[in-house]
Amino acid sequence: MCMAIPSRVIALSGEMATVECFGEQRDVSLMLMDGPLALGDYVLVQAGGFAYERVTPTAALETLDLLGAVIGQAAAA
């Protein structure tokens, strides 16, 4: 099973993007995306470092809020 994390695009360079999630930045491949991206778009990123789907800001932020709550609970346990 693979868990995809919504991440915001903060830089674009050819077939690569820099994305940000929970304050961490990482470079991801865009080779699985089927259309152009813009700065500020949210994408789902697989653990292997591939962005594969654009998601709405609303869906991304809701998911990040839920993940943040889960991470917070796990850290407190």
N, C-alpha and C. Protein backbone atom coordinates (compact mmCIF):
# COMPACT_ATOMS: atom_id res chain seq x y z
N MET A 1 0.85 -1.17 0.00
CA MET A 1 0.00 0.00 0.00
C MET A 1 0.89 1.24 0.00
N CYS A 2 0.50 2.23 -0.74
CA CYS A 2 1.26 3.46 -0.84
C CYS A 2 0.36 4.62 -0.40
N MET A 3 0.90 5.51 0.41
CA MET A 3 0.14 6.67 0.86
C MET A 3 0.66 7.90 0.13
N ALA A 4 -0.22 8.59 -0.55
CA ALA A 4 0.16 9.79 -1.28
C ALA A 4 -0.11 11.01 -0.40
N ILE A 5 0.80 11.95 -0.41
CA ILE A 5 0.70 13.15 0.41
C ILE A 5 0.48 14.36 -0.50
N PRO A 6 -0.56 15.17 -0.24
CA PRO A 6 -0.73 16.39 -1.03
C PRO A 6 0.41 17.37 -0.73
N SER A 7 0.96 17.94 -1.77
CA SER A 7 2.07 18.88 -1.62
C SER A 7 1.87 20.04 -2.58
N ARG A 8 2.31 21.23 -2.16
CA ARG A 8 2.14 22.45 -2.98
C ARG A 8 3.38 22.67 -3.83
N VAL A 9 3.17 22.94 -5.11
CA VAL A 9 4.27 23.21 -6.04
C VAL A 9 4.82 24.61 -5.77
N ILE A 10 6.14 24.67 -5.49
CA ILE A 10 6.76 25.97 -5.22
C ILE A 10 7.82 26.34 -6.26
N ALA A 11 8.21 25.39 -7.12
CA ALA A 11 9.15 25.67 -8.20
C ALA A 11 8.99 24.61 -9.28
N LEU A 12 9.18 25.03 -10.52
CA LEU A 12 9.08 24.13 -11.67
C LEU A 12 10.34 24.24 -12.52
N SER A 13 10.82 23.07 -12.99
CA SER A 13 11.98 23.04 -13.86
C SER A 13 11.89 21.82 -14.77
N GLY A 14 11.35 22.02 -15.97
CA GLY A 14 11.21 20.91 -16.91
C GLY A 14 10.29 19.83 -16.37
N GLU A 15 10.80 18.62 -16.26
CA GLU A 15 10.01 17.47 -15.77
C GLU A 15 10.16 17.26 -14.27
N MET A 16 10.64 18.29 -13.57
CA MET A 16 10.81 18.22 -12.11
C MET A 16 10.11 19.41 -11.46
N ALA A 17 9.71 19.21 -10.21
CA ALA A 17 9.13 20.29 -9.43
C ALA A 17 9.67 20.19 -8.01
N THR A 18 9.73 21.34 -7.35
CA THR A 18 9.98 21.35 -5.92
C THR A 18 8.63 21.57 -5.26
N VAL A 19 8.32 20.70 -4.30
CA VAL A 19 7.04 20.79 -3.59
C VAL A 19 7.31 20.97 -2.11
N GLU A 20 6.29 21.47 -1.40
CA GLU A 20 6.39 21.71 0.04
C GLU A 20 5.22 21.05 0.73
N CYS A 21 5.52 20.39 1.85
CA CYS A 21 4.48 19.77 2.67
C CYS A 21 4.96 19.78 4.12
N PHE A 22 4.15 20.30 5.02
CA PHE A 22 4.50 20.39 6.44
C PHE A 22 5.86 21.06 6.65
N GLY A 23 6.16 22.08 5.83
CA GLY A 23 7.39 22.82 5.99
C GLY A 23 8.63 22.18 5.38
N GLU A 24 8.49 21.00 4.84
CA GLU A 24 9.61 20.29 4.21
C GLU A 24 9.52 20.42 2.69
N GLN A 25 10.65 20.66 2.05
CA GLN A 25 10.70 20.75 0.59
C GLN A 25 11.39 19.52 0.02
N ARG A 26 10.91 19.09 -1.15
CA ARG A 26 11.58 17.98 -1.84
C ARG A 26 11.35 18.12 -3.34
N ASP A 27 12.26 17.55 -4.10
CA ASP A 27 12.13 17.54 -5.55
C ASP A 27 11.40 16.28 -5.97
N VAL A 28 10.45 16.44 -6.90
CA VAL A 28 9.67 15.30 -7.38
C VAL A 28 9.64 15.29 -8.90
N SER A 29 9.46 14.12 -9.45
CA SER A 29 9.35 13.96 -10.90
C SER A 29 7.91 14.23 -11.33
N LEU A 30 7.77 14.86 -12.49
CA LEU A 30 6.45 15.14 -13.05
C LEU A 30 6.12 14.21 -14.22
N MET A 31 6.93 13.18 -14.44
CA MET A 31 6.75 12.35 -15.63
C MET A 31 5.41 11.60 -15.64
N LEU A 32 4.73 11.47 -14.51
CA LEU A 32 3.43 10.80 -14.47
C LEU A 32 2.25 11.76 -14.61
N MET A 33 2.54 13.06 -14.63
CA MET A 33 1.47 14.06 -14.76
C MET A 33 1.02 14.15 -16.21
N ASP A 34 -0.27 14.38 -16.41
CA ASP A 34 -0.78 14.43 -17.78
C ASP A 34 -1.13 15.84 -18.25
N GLY A 35 -0.63 16.84 -17.57
CA GLY A 35 -0.88 18.20 -18.01
C GLY A 35 0.06 19.16 -17.30
N PRO A 36 0.11 20.40 -17.76
CA PRO A 36 1.03 21.37 -17.16
C PRO A 36 0.58 21.76 -15.75
N LEU A 37 1.55 22.16 -14.95
CA LEU A 37 1.28 22.63 -13.60
C LEU A 37 1.68 24.09 -13.49
N ALA A 38 1.15 24.75 -12.47
CA ALA A 38 1.50 26.13 -12.18
C ALA A 38 1.96 26.21 -10.73
N LEU A 39 2.75 27.23 -10.43
CA LEU A 39 3.15 27.46 -9.05
C LEU A 39 1.90 27.59 -8.20
N GLY A 40 1.90 26.95 -7.04
CA GLY A 40 0.75 27.00 -6.14
C GLY A 40 -0.21 25.84 -6.30
N ASP A 41 -0.10 25.08 -7.39
CA ASP A 41 -0.94 23.89 -7.56
C ASP A 41 -0.60 22.88 -6.48
N TYR A 42 -1.58 22.04 -6.15
CA TYR A 42 -1.36 20.93 -5.24
C TYR A 42 -1.36 19.63 -6.03
N VAL A 43 -0.42 18.77 -5.70
CA VAL A 43 -0.32 17.46 -6.36
C VAL A 43 -0.20 16.38 -5.30
N LEU A 44 -0.60 15.16 -5.68
CA LEU A 44 -0.37 14.00 -4.83
C LEU A 44 0.99 13.44 -5.18
N VAL A 45 1.79 13.15 -4.16
CA VAL A 45 3.16 12.66 -4.36
C VAL A 45 3.29 11.30 -3.70
N GLN A 46 3.73 10.32 -4.50
CA GLN A 46 3.98 8.98 -3.97
C GLN A 46 5.30 8.97 -3.20
N ALA A 47 5.46 7.95 -2.37
CA ALA A 47 6.69 7.82 -1.57
C ALA A 47 7.94 7.77 -2.44
N GLY A 48 7.83 7.28 -3.67
CA GLY A 48 8.98 7.18 -4.57
C GLY A 48 9.40 8.49 -5.19
N GLY A 49 8.66 9.58 -4.90
CA GLY A 49 9.05 10.89 -5.42
C GLY A 49 8.44 11.25 -6.75
N PHE A 50 7.27 10.66 -7.07
CA PHE A 50 6.58 10.97 -8.31
C PHE A 50 5.26 11.67 -8.01
N ALA A 51 5.07 12.86 -8.58
CA ALA A 51 3.76 13.51 -8.53
C ALA A 51 2.91 12.86 -9.61
N TYR A 52 1.67 12.50 -9.27
CA TYR A 52 0.87 11.79 -10.27
C TYR A 52 -0.54 12.32 -10.46
N GLU A 53 -1.00 13.23 -9.61
CA GLU A 53 -2.36 13.75 -9.77
C GLU A 53 -2.47 15.13 -9.15
N ARG A 54 -3.13 16.04 -9.87
CA ARG A 54 -3.42 17.36 -9.32
C ARG A 54 -4.68 17.25 -8.47
N VAL A 55 -4.71 17.95 -7.33
CA VAL A 55 -5.89 17.97 -6.47
C VAL A 55 -6.25 19.42 -6.18
N THR A 56 -7.51 19.64 -5.82
CA THR A 56 -7.95 21.00 -5.52
C THR A 56 -7.31 21.47 -4.22
N PRO A 57 -7.13 22.77 -4.07
CA PRO A 57 -6.59 23.28 -2.81
C PRO A 57 -7.46 22.87 -1.61
N THR A 58 -8.77 22.87 -1.78
CA THR A 58 -9.67 22.49 -0.69
C THR A 58 -9.41 21.05 -0.25
N ALA A 59 -9.36 20.13 -1.21
CA ALA A 59 -9.11 18.72 -0.89
C ALA A 59 -7.73 18.54 -0.26
N ALA A 60 -6.74 19.23 -0.80
CA ALA A 60 -5.37 19.11 -0.27
C ALA A 60 -5.30 19.59 1.17
N LEU A 61 -5.88 20.75 1.45
CA LEU A 61 -5.80 21.31 2.80
C LEU A 61 -6.59 20.49 3.81
N GLU A 62 -7.74 19.95 3.40
CA GLU A 62 -8.51 19.07 4.28
C GLU A 62 -7.69 17.83 4.63
N THR A 63 -7.06 17.24 3.63
CA THR A 63 -6.25 16.04 3.86
C THR A 63 -5.05 16.35 4.75
N LEU A 64 -4.39 17.48 4.51
CA LEU A 64 -3.24 17.85 5.33
C LEU A 64 -3.65 18.11 6.78
N ASP A 65 -4.84 18.70 6.99
CA ASP A 65 -5.33 18.89 8.35
C ASP A 65 -5.53 17.56 9.06
N LEU A 66 -6.13 16.59 8.35
CA LEU A 66 -6.34 15.26 8.93
C LEU A 66 -5.02 14.56 9.23
N LEU A 67 -4.09 14.63 8.28
CA LEU A 67 -2.77 14.01 8.50
C LEU A 67 -2.04 14.66 9.67
N GLY A 68 -2.15 15.97 9.78
CA GLY A 68 -1.53 16.68 10.90
C GLY A 68 -2.09 16.22 12.23
N ALA A 69 -3.40 15.99 12.29
CA ALA A 69 -4.03 15.51 13.52
C ALA A 69 -3.54 14.11 13.86
N VAL A 70 -3.43 13.25 12.86
CA VAL A 70 -2.96 11.88 13.09
C VAL A 70 -1.51 11.89 13.56
N ILE A 71 -0.68 12.69 12.91
CA ILE A 71 0.73 12.78 13.30
C ILE A 71 0.86 13.31 14.72
N GLY A 72 0.04 14.30 15.06
CA GLY A 72 0.06 14.85 16.41
C GLY A 72 -0.34 13.83 17.46
N GLN A 73 -1.35 13.01 17.14
CA GLN A 73 -1.78 11.97 18.07
C GLN A 73 -0.72 10.89 18.22
N ALA A 74 -0.07 10.54 17.12
CA ALA A 74 0.97 9.51 17.17
C ALA A 74 2.16 9.99 18.01
N ALA A 75 2.50 11.26 17.88
CA ALA A 75 3.64 11.80 18.63
C ALA A 75 3.33 11.84 20.13
N ALA A 76 2.05 12.03 20.48
CA ALA A 76 1.66 12.11 21.88
C ALA A 76 1.56 10.73 22.53
N ALA A 77 1.46 9.68 21.72
CA ALA A 77 1.27 8.32 22.28
C ALA A 77 2.55 7.76 22.85
